[in-house]
Amino acid sequence: KNGGGAYLVPYLILLLIIGIPLFFLELAVGQRIRRGSIGVWNYISPKLGGIGFASCVVCFFVALYYNVIIGWSLFYFSQSFQHPLPWDQCPLVKNTSHTFVEPECEKSSATTYYWYREALNISSSLSESGGLNWKMTICLLAAWVMVCLAMIKGIQSSGKIMYFSSLFPYVVLLCFLIRGLLLNGSVDGIRHMFTPKLEIMLEPKVWREAATQVFFALGLGFGGVIAFSSYNKRDNNCHFDAVLVSFINFFTSVLATLVVFAVLGFKANIINEKCVIQNSEKILKLLKIGNLSQDMIPHHINFSSITAEDYNLVYDIIQKVKEEEFDSLGLKSCQIEDELNKAVQGTGLAFIAFTEAMTHFPASPFWSVMFFLMLVNLGLGSMFG
């Protein structure tokens, strides 16, 4: 929604003019005064001590929802040690006479149904309160226990754990990138990423979201950077650290984006193939009952092995010839670009789009375990910071 590759331009600009200077400032203040956020602001001026307390309050509320995401990831991680994956197919409903597929799942998808009905266990409507989700409650409790155990001896003990929690995601991302590039449609996804929608750059909300991402990515204003830098040596080159960490962060964002668009391209390719097959069957039925003439179909077209390009060629011909009654035929265009534009965002990206794509991977449980273990690591790393 933010313009694909064009989003990297405002992100990089704001990283240079806002992110790096503020990151350097927080590093320098913590390293020089050698206190946490509250102590630093009290040292600068007792009247500014409330800023330090405010940053702690913000950290507390951010941690509340960050740990919920870790809980979700732990749940999916625990469910990944089985084949097939539990969100691979819609559940079957049995009654006294016969067995059928869950209607709600059939209308959406297996991964969407599993996310809302099995993982979140949401109620059917806003008027229903629903009960306590024990599975997620246990996962959330486990997430808090993990954070407490890692932080129980203070910031220095968490620093040792950060070596693993920081490096492991790079290993997983590189594995996913290599695997993703070998999938059909991955090139279409990456091409979509680097096709800039420059007109979106004129919208203020894109710049606002880029600025928000810079602050969250570098942890600015939360007090964590100040606290960690207070353990640096006094003569440490914090200016070099600020530039290095910022550009590693930017590189990581680009790497993660490549992985996301490669997998989304693969998923879009699968959906597009299903679209071509379903609509080709409709055309064959229309030809059989005489609603369409065989003369409309080019001679080289073979519906038993039709490609997306050939289908869209037939679609365009039928649309031109049957312009007045085209809508009644029930045919639709099958474009990978359209599927990529409809890709889900936010939590749905990890828990719906990625889970659906991984069901089509060879050895899908392995990739699912690696992916959700990476999410747990990233979440814990954010909590420590």
Protein backbone atom coordinates (compact mmCIF):
# COMPACT_ATOMS: atom_id res chain seq x y z
CA LYS A 1 0.00 0.00 0.00
CA ASN A 2 3.03 2.29 0.40
CA GLY A 3 4.31 2.05 -3.15
CA GLY A 4 6.50 -1.04 -3.14
CA GLY A 5 10.12 -0.13 -3.89
CA ALA A 6 9.26 3.59 -3.77
CA TYR A 7 8.71 3.25 -0.01
CA LEU A 8 12.45 2.64 0.44
CA VAL A 9 13.17 6.18 -0.79
CA PRO A 10 11.34 8.10 2.00
CA TYR A 11 12.51 5.47 4.49
CA LEU A 12 16.16 6.00 3.54
CA ILE A 13 15.80 9.81 3.49
CA LEU A 14 14.21 9.87 6.95
CA LEU A 15 16.80 7.39 8.22
CA LEU A 16 19.56 9.81 7.16
CA ILE A 17 18.04 13.08 8.40
CA ILE A 18 16.19 11.84 11.51
CA GLY A 19 17.11 8.26 12.39
CA ILE A 20 20.92 8.36 12.45
CA PRO A 21 21.22 11.77 14.24
CA LEU A 22 18.75 10.79 16.99
CA PHE A 23 20.29 7.34 17.33
CA PHE A 24 23.75 8.90 17.70
CA LEU A 25 22.38 11.38 20.25
CA GLU A 26 20.88 8.60 22.41
CA LEU A 27 24.08 6.54 22.17
CA ALA A 28 26.23 9.53 23.12
CA VAL A 29 24.04 10.59 26.05
CA GLY A 30 23.90 7.09 27.53
CA GLN A 31 27.63 6.52 27.04
CA ARG A 32 28.58 9.88 28.58
CA ILE A 33 26.18 10.02 31.56
CA ARG A 34 26.21 6.22 32.11
CA ARG A 35 22.63 5.95 33.35
CA GLY A 36 19.30 4.66 32.10
CA SER A 37 16.59 6.79 30.53
CA ILE A 38 15.16 8.12 33.83
CA GLY A 39 18.62 8.86 35.26
CA VAL A 40 19.80 10.61 32.09
CA TRP A 41 16.86 13.02 31.96
CA ASN A 42 17.12 13.75 35.70
CA TYR A 43 20.83 14.43 35.20
CA ILE A 44 20.16 16.86 32.34
CA SER A 45 17.49 18.63 34.39
CA PRO A 46 15.26 17.46 37.27
CA LYS A 47 12.38 19.20 35.47
CA LEU A 48 12.82 16.81 32.53
CA GLY A 49 12.72 13.64 34.65
CA GLY A 50 9.15 12.99 33.56
CA ILE A 51 10.37 12.31 30.01
CA GLY A 52 12.34 9.34 31.31
CA PHE A 53 9.32 8.00 33.19
CA ALA A 54 7.15 8.55 30.10
CA SER A 55 9.54 6.49 27.94
CA CYS A 56 9.30 3.66 30.50
CA VAL A 57 5.49 3.79 30.37
CA VAL A 58 5.61 3.67 26.56
CA CYS A 59 7.96 0.65 26.74
CA PHE A 60 5.54 -1.09 29.10
CA PHE A 61 2.55 -0.69 26.78
CA VAL A 62 4.56 -1.64 23.69
CA ALA A 63 5.83 -4.73 25.52
CA LEU A 64 2.24 -5.77 26.27
CA TYR A 65 1.34 -6.20 22.61
CA TYR A 66 4.82 -7.32 21.49
CA ASN A 67 4.57 -10.27 23.83
CA VAL A 68 1.15 -11.16 22.44
CA ILE A 69 2.78 -11.54 19.01
CA ILE A 70 5.47 -13.74 20.59
CA GLY A 71 2.65 -15.82 22.12
CA TRP A 72 1.03 -16.24 18.70
CA SER A 73 4.39 -17.27 17.23
CA LEU A 74 4.95 -19.80 20.03
CA PHE A 75 1.53 -21.33 19.34
CA TYR A 76 2.23 -21.72 15.61
CA PHE A 77 5.75 -22.98 16.39
CA SER A 78 4.33 -25.69 18.66
CA GLN A 79 1.82 -26.71 15.97
CA SER A 80 4.46 -26.96 13.22
CA PHE A 81 5.84 -30.36 14.30
CA GLN A 82 3.32 -32.37 12.31
CA HIS A 83 2.71 -33.36 8.72
CA PRO A 84 0.58 -32.16 7.09
CA LEU A 85 0.48 -28.81 8.86
CA PRO A 86 -2.83 -28.28 10.72
CA TRP A 87 -3.69 -25.23 8.58
CA ASP A 88 -3.02 -27.08 5.32
CA GLN A 89 -6.61 -28.23 4.77
CA CYS A 90 -10.07 -27.24 5.93
CA PRO A 91 -11.44 -29.37 8.78
CA LEU A 92 -14.18 -31.90 8.14
CA VAL A 93 -17.51 -31.73 9.93
CA LYS A 94 -19.31 -34.99 10.66
CA ASN A 95 -23.00 -35.49 11.31
CA THR A 96 -25.18 -38.57 11.46
CA SER A 97 -25.59 -38.90 7.69
CA HIS A 98 -22.40 -37.68 6.01
CA THR A 99 -19.08 -35.80 6.30
CA PHE A 100 -18.49 -32.40 4.67
CA VAL A 101 -15.95 -29.57 4.67
CA GLU A 102 -16.48 -26.77 7.20
CA PRO A 103 -18.59 -24.24 5.18
CA GLU A 104 -16.96 -21.15 6.69
CA CYS A 105 -13.50 -22.48 5.86
CA GLU A 106 -14.53 -23.40 2.32
CA LYS A 107 -15.65 -19.81 1.66
CA SER A 108 -12.32 -18.32 2.79
CA SER A 109 -9.19 -20.50 3.07
CA ALA A 110 -7.73 -23.10 5.41
CA THR A 111 -5.05 -20.71 6.76
CA THR A 112 -7.53 -17.87 7.34
CA TYR A 113 -9.95 -20.21 9.11
CA TYR A 114 -7.17 -21.64 11.30
CA TRP A 115 -5.95 -18.16 12.27
CA TYR A 116 -9.34 -16.80 13.31
CA ARG A 117 -11.12 -19.92 14.58
CA GLU A 118 -8.35 -22.17 15.92
CA ALA A 119 -5.56 -19.77 16.96
CA LEU A 120 -7.47 -16.64 18.05
CA ASN A 121 -10.74 -18.51 18.66
CA ILE A 122 -12.70 -15.32 18.03
CA SER A 123 -16.45 -15.24 18.50
CA SER A 124 -18.82 -15.28 15.54
CA SER A 125 -19.99 -11.69 16.09
CA LEU A 126 -19.25 -8.55 18.11
CA SER A 127 -22.29 -9.21 20.30
CA GLU A 128 -20.72 -12.45 21.59
CA SER A 129 -18.00 -12.07 24.23
CA GLY A 130 -16.42 -15.49 23.79
CA GLY A 131 -14.52 -17.48 26.41
CA LEU A 132 -10.93 -17.57 27.62
CA ASN A 133 -8.52 -18.86 24.98
CA TRP A 134 -6.49 -21.28 27.12
CA LYS A 135 -4.07 -22.22 24.34
CA MET A 136 -3.04 -18.61 23.76
CA THR A 137 -3.05 -17.85 27.49
CA ILE A 138 -0.47 -20.60 28.08
CA CYS A 139 1.63 -19.39 25.12
CA LEU A 140 1.50 -15.79 26.39
CA LEU A 141 2.52 -16.93 29.87
CA ALA A 142 5.42 -18.91 28.35
CA ALA A 143 6.53 -15.79 26.46
CA TRP A 144 6.61 -13.71 29.66
CA VAL A 145 8.53 -16.47 31.48
CA MET A 146 11.13 -16.52 28.68
CA VAL A 147 11.57 -12.74 28.89
CA CYS A 148 11.86 -12.80 32.69
CA LEU A 149 14.42 -15.63 32.68
CA ALA A 150 16.53 -13.80 30.10
CA MET A 151 16.41 -10.51 32.03
CA ILE A 152 16.58 -11.87 35.59
CA LYS A 153 20.29 -11.10 35.97
CA GLY A 154 20.07 -7.69 34.38
CA ILE A 155 21.01 -6.21 31.05
CA GLN A 156 24.38 -7.98 30.81
CA SER A 157 22.80 -11.46 30.82
CA SER A 158 20.33 -10.43 28.10
CA GLY A 159 23.26 -9.10 26.07
CA LYS A 160 24.69 -12.63 25.78
CA ILE A 161 21.34 -14.00 24.63
CA MET A 162 21.13 -11.19 22.06
CA TYR A 163 24.08 -12.70 20.16
CA PHE A 164 21.89 -15.68 19.24
CA SER A 165 18.59 -13.81 18.92
CA SER A 166 20.23 -11.26 16.58
CA LEU A 167 22.23 -13.63 14.35
CA PHE A 168 19.78 -16.54 14.01
CA PRO A 169 17.15 -14.51 12.05
CA TYR A 170 19.78 -13.67 9.40
CA VAL A 171 20.45 -17.38 8.88
CA VAL A 172 16.72 -18.07 8.49
CA LEU A 173 16.16 -15.05 6.21
CA LEU A 174 19.01 -16.12 3.91
CA CYS A 175 17.64 -19.69 3.80
CA PHE A 176 14.16 -18.37 2.99
CA LEU A 177 15.56 -16.02 0.32
CA ILE A 178 17.47 -18.83 -1.42
CA ARG A 179 14.46 -21.16 -1.19
CA GLY A 180 12.10 -18.38 -2.24
CA LEU A 181 14.09 -17.51 -5.36
CA LEU A 182 13.76 -21.13 -6.53
CA LEU A 183 9.94 -20.96 -6.40
CA ASN A 184 7.71 -20.26 -9.39
CA GLY A 185 6.50 -16.66 -9.33
CA SER A 186 9.18 -15.34 -6.96
CA VAL A 187 10.66 -13.17 -9.72
CA ASP A 188 7.22 -11.61 -10.30
CA GLY A 189 7.03 -10.74 -6.60
CA ILE A 190 10.48 -9.14 -6.53
CA ARG A 191 9.74 -7.28 -9.77
CA HIS A 192 6.57 -5.96 -8.12
CA MET A 193 8.66 -4.81 -5.15
CA PHE A 194 11.08 -2.85 -7.32
CA THR A 195 8.36 -1.34 -9.53
CA PRO A 196 7.95 2.02 -7.79
CA LYS A 197 4.59 3.72 -7.54
CA LEU A 198 6.08 7.19 -7.42
CA GLU A 199 2.72 8.95 -7.16
CA ILE A 200 2.24 7.45 -3.67
CA MET A 201 5.38 9.28 -2.49
CA LEU A 202 3.39 12.52 -2.64
CA GLU A 203 1.01 11.25 0.05
CA PRO A 204 1.85 12.48 3.59
CA LYS A 205 0.77 9.17 5.19
CA VAL A 206 3.56 7.30 3.38
CA TRP A 207 6.16 9.64 4.91
CA ARG A 208 4.46 9.37 8.30
CA GLU A 209 4.56 5.58 8.19
CA ALA A 210 8.19 5.64 7.01
CA ALA A 211 9.08 7.89 9.97
CA THR A 212 7.21 5.57 12.34
CA GLN A 213 9.12 2.60 10.94
CA VAL A 214 12.46 4.40 11.42
CA PHE A 215 11.66 5.10 15.09
CA PHE A 216 10.49 1.54 15.74
CA ALA A 217 13.34 -0.10 13.81
CA LEU A 218 16.05 1.81 15.71
CA GLY A 219 14.20 1.87 19.04
CA LEU A 220 14.27 5.66 19.26
CA GLY A 221 12.50 7.33 22.18
CA PHE A 222 12.01 4.13 24.17
CA GLY A 223 15.07 4.51 26.37
CA GLY A 224 16.54 1.12 25.45
CA VAL A 225 19.34 2.63 23.34
CA ILE A 226 20.34 4.93 26.21
CA ALA A 227 20.36 2.02 28.68
CA PHE A 228 22.45 -0.27 26.46
CA SER A 229 24.95 2.47 25.54
CA SER A 230 25.54 3.26 29.23
CA TYR A 231 27.54 -0.01 29.35
CA ASN A 232 29.90 1.12 26.57
CA LYS A 233 33.43 2.25 27.29
CA ARG A 234 33.73 6.02 27.64
CA ASP A 235 36.07 6.27 24.63
CA ASN A 236 33.86 4.08 22.40
CA ASN A 237 33.27 5.54 18.91
CA CYS A 238 29.49 5.90 19.20
CA HIS A 239 29.30 7.93 15.97
CA PHE A 240 30.63 4.94 14.03
CA ASP A 241 28.22 2.66 15.92
CA ALA A 242 25.25 4.87 15.01
CA VAL A 243 26.05 4.81 11.28
CA LEU A 244 26.93 1.09 11.24
CA VAL A 245 23.85 -0.08 13.16
CA SER A 246 21.53 2.14 11.10
CA PHE A 247 22.76 0.79 7.78
CA ILE A 248 22.75 -2.82 9.01
CA ASN A 249 19.16 -2.16 10.02
CA PHE A 250 18.38 -0.80 6.54
CA PHE A 251 20.07 -3.78 4.89
CA THR A 252 18.04 -6.13 7.11
CA SER A 253 14.81 -4.37 6.09
CA VAL A 254 15.67 -4.80 2.40
CA LEU A 255 16.60 -8.47 2.93
CA ALA A 256 13.36 -9.18 4.80
CA THR A 257 11.37 -7.34 2.11
CA LEU A 258 12.99 -9.47 -0.62
CA VAL A 259 11.97 -12.63 1.25
CA VAL A 260 8.40 -11.37 1.73
CA PHE A 261 7.90 -10.42 -1.92
CA ALA A 262 9.51 -13.64 -3.18
CA VAL A 263 7.07 -15.71 -1.09
CA LEU A 264 4.11 -13.46 -1.97
CA GLY A 265 5.02 -13.83 -5.65
CA PHE A 266 4.96 -17.62 -5.24
CA LYS A 267 1.59 -17.46 -3.48
CA ALA A 268 0.18 -15.12 -6.15
CA ASN A 269 1.38 -17.51 -8.86
CA ILE A 270 -0.51 -20.42 -7.24
CA ILE A 271 -3.71 -18.36 -6.94
CA ASN A 272 -3.30 -17.19 -10.54
CA GLU A 273 -2.92 -20.78 -11.80
CA LYS A 274 -6.14 -21.77 -10.00
CA CYS A 275 -7.86 -18.75 -11.54
CA VAL A 276 -6.74 -19.78 -15.05
CA ILE A 277 -7.92 -23.38 -14.56
CA GLN A 278 -11.33 -22.40 -13.14
CA ASN A 279 -12.04 -19.82 -15.84
CA SER A 280 -10.78 -22.10 -18.62
CA GLU A 281 -13.32 -24.69 -17.47
CA LYS A 282 -16.03 -22.00 -17.68
CA ILE A 283 -14.98 -21.17 -21.25
CA LEU A 284 -15.13 -24.86 -22.24
CA LYS A 285 -18.66 -25.09 -20.80
CA LEU A 286 -19.71 -21.92 -22.67
CA LEU A 287 -18.28 -23.37 -25.90
CA LYS A 288 -20.13 -26.63 -25.31
CA ILE A 289 -23.54 -25.01 -24.79
CA GLY A 290 -23.00 -22.60 -27.70
CA ASN A 291 -22.73 -19.31 -25.80
CA LEU A 292 -19.27 -18.85 -27.33
CA SER A 293 -18.08 -19.62 -30.85
CA GLN A 294 -15.01 -21.79 -31.46
CA ASP A 295 -13.86 -19.17 -34.00
CA MET A 296 -13.04 -16.82 -31.10
CA ILE A 297 -10.33 -19.17 -29.79
CA PRO A 298 -6.90 -18.96 -31.50
CA HIS A 299 -5.85 -22.31 -33.02
CA HIS A 300 -2.70 -22.65 -30.90
CA ILE A 301 -4.67 -22.54 -27.62
CA ASN A 302 -4.86 -25.88 -25.79
CA PHE A 303 -7.11 -25.65 -22.74
CA SER A 304 -5.63 -28.81 -21.19
CA SER A 305 -2.28 -27.04 -20.72
CA ILE A 306 -3.18 -23.36 -21.07
CA THR A 307 -0.81 -20.70 -19.72
CA ALA A 308 -1.81 -17.48 -17.97
CA GLU A 309 -0.70 -15.46 -21.02
CA ASP A 310 -2.82 -17.56 -23.40
CA TYR A 311 -5.83 -17.39 -21.09
CA ASN A 312 -5.64 -13.60 -20.85
CA LEU A 313 -5.37 -13.45 -24.66
CA VAL A 314 -8.60 -15.48 -24.95
CA TYR A 315 -10.17 -13.35 -22.20
CA ASP A 316 -9.41 -10.12 -24.12
CA ILE A 317 -10.81 -11.55 -27.37
CA ILE A 318 -14.05 -12.68 -25.71
CA GLN A 319 -14.39 -9.32 -23.94
CA LYS A 320 -14.13 -7.44 -27.26
CA VAL A 321 -16.47 -9.74 -29.22
CA LYS A 322 -19.05 -10.18 -26.44
CA GLU A 323 -18.80 -6.66 -25.06
CA GLU A 324 -22.50 -6.20 -24.28
CA GLU A 325 -23.10 -9.56 -22.60
CA PHE A 326 -19.59 -10.13 -21.24
CA ASP A 327 -20.48 -9.56 -17.57
CA SER A 328 -23.11 -12.31 -17.69
CA LEU A 329 -20.47 -14.87 -18.75
CA GLY A 330 -18.85 -14.80 -15.30
CA LEU A 331 -15.26 -14.72 -16.55
CA LYS A 332 -12.49 -12.82 -14.76
CA SER A 333 -9.02 -11.65 -15.68
CA CYS A 334 -6.16 -13.63 -14.10
CA GLN A 335 -3.21 -11.31 -13.44
CA ILE A 336 -0.40 -11.98 -10.95
CA GLU A 337 -0.07 -8.23 -10.47
CA ASP A 338 -3.66 -8.04 -9.19
CA GLU A 339 -3.00 -10.81 -6.67
CA LEU A 340 0.14 -9.05 -5.43
CA ASN A 341 -1.78 -5.80 -4.98
CA LYS A 342 -4.33 -7.67 -2.84
CA ALA A 343 -1.65 -9.21 -0.58
CA VAL A 344 -2.48 -9.09 3.12
CA GLN A 345 -0.62 -6.83 5.55
CA GLY A 346 0.18 -6.67 9.26
CA THR A 347 -0.29 -9.84 11.32
CA GLY A 348 -2.10 -11.44 8.39
CA LEU A 349 1.16 -11.39 6.40
CA ALA A 350 2.94 -13.72 8.84
CA PHE A 351 0.03 -15.81 10.11
CA ILE A 352 -2.07 -16.12 6.93
CA ALA A 353 -0.06 -15.36 3.78
CA PHE A 354 3.23 -16.96 4.87
CA THR A 355 1.58 -19.98 6.46
CA GLU A 356 -0.41 -20.59 3.28
CA ALA A 357 2.69 -20.27 1.11
CA MET A 358 4.67 -22.66 3.32
CA THR A 359 2.05 -25.39 2.92
CA HIS A 360 3.17 -25.61 -0.73
CA PHE A 361 6.87 -25.90 0.18
CA PRO A 362 8.55 -29.33 0.11
CA ALA A 363 9.21 -30.33 3.75
CA SER A 364 6.75 -27.64 4.87
CA PRO A 365 6.95 -28.47 8.63
CA PHE A 366 10.70 -27.74 8.61
CA TRP A 367 10.19 -24.30 7.02
CA SER A 368 7.31 -23.55 9.37
CA VAL A 369 9.42 -24.42 12.44
CA MET A 370 12.28 -22.23 11.19
CA PHE A 371 9.98 -19.32 10.34
CA PHE A 372 8.15 -19.18 13.66
CA LEU A 373 11.33 -19.80 15.64
CA MET A 374 12.72 -16.75 13.84
CA LEU A 375 9.64 -14.70 14.79
CA VAL A 376 10.03 -15.75 18.44
CA ASN A 377 13.69 -14.71 18.32
CA LEU A 378 12.89 -11.35 16.76
CA GLY A 379 10.13 -10.74 19.28
CA LEU A 380 12.37 -11.58 22.23
CA GLY A 381 15.11 -9.36 20.81
CA SER A 382 12.64 -6.47 20.61
CA MET A 383 11.50 -7.14 24.18
CA PHE A 384 15.08 -7.09 25.46
CA GLY A 385 15.68 -3.77 23.70
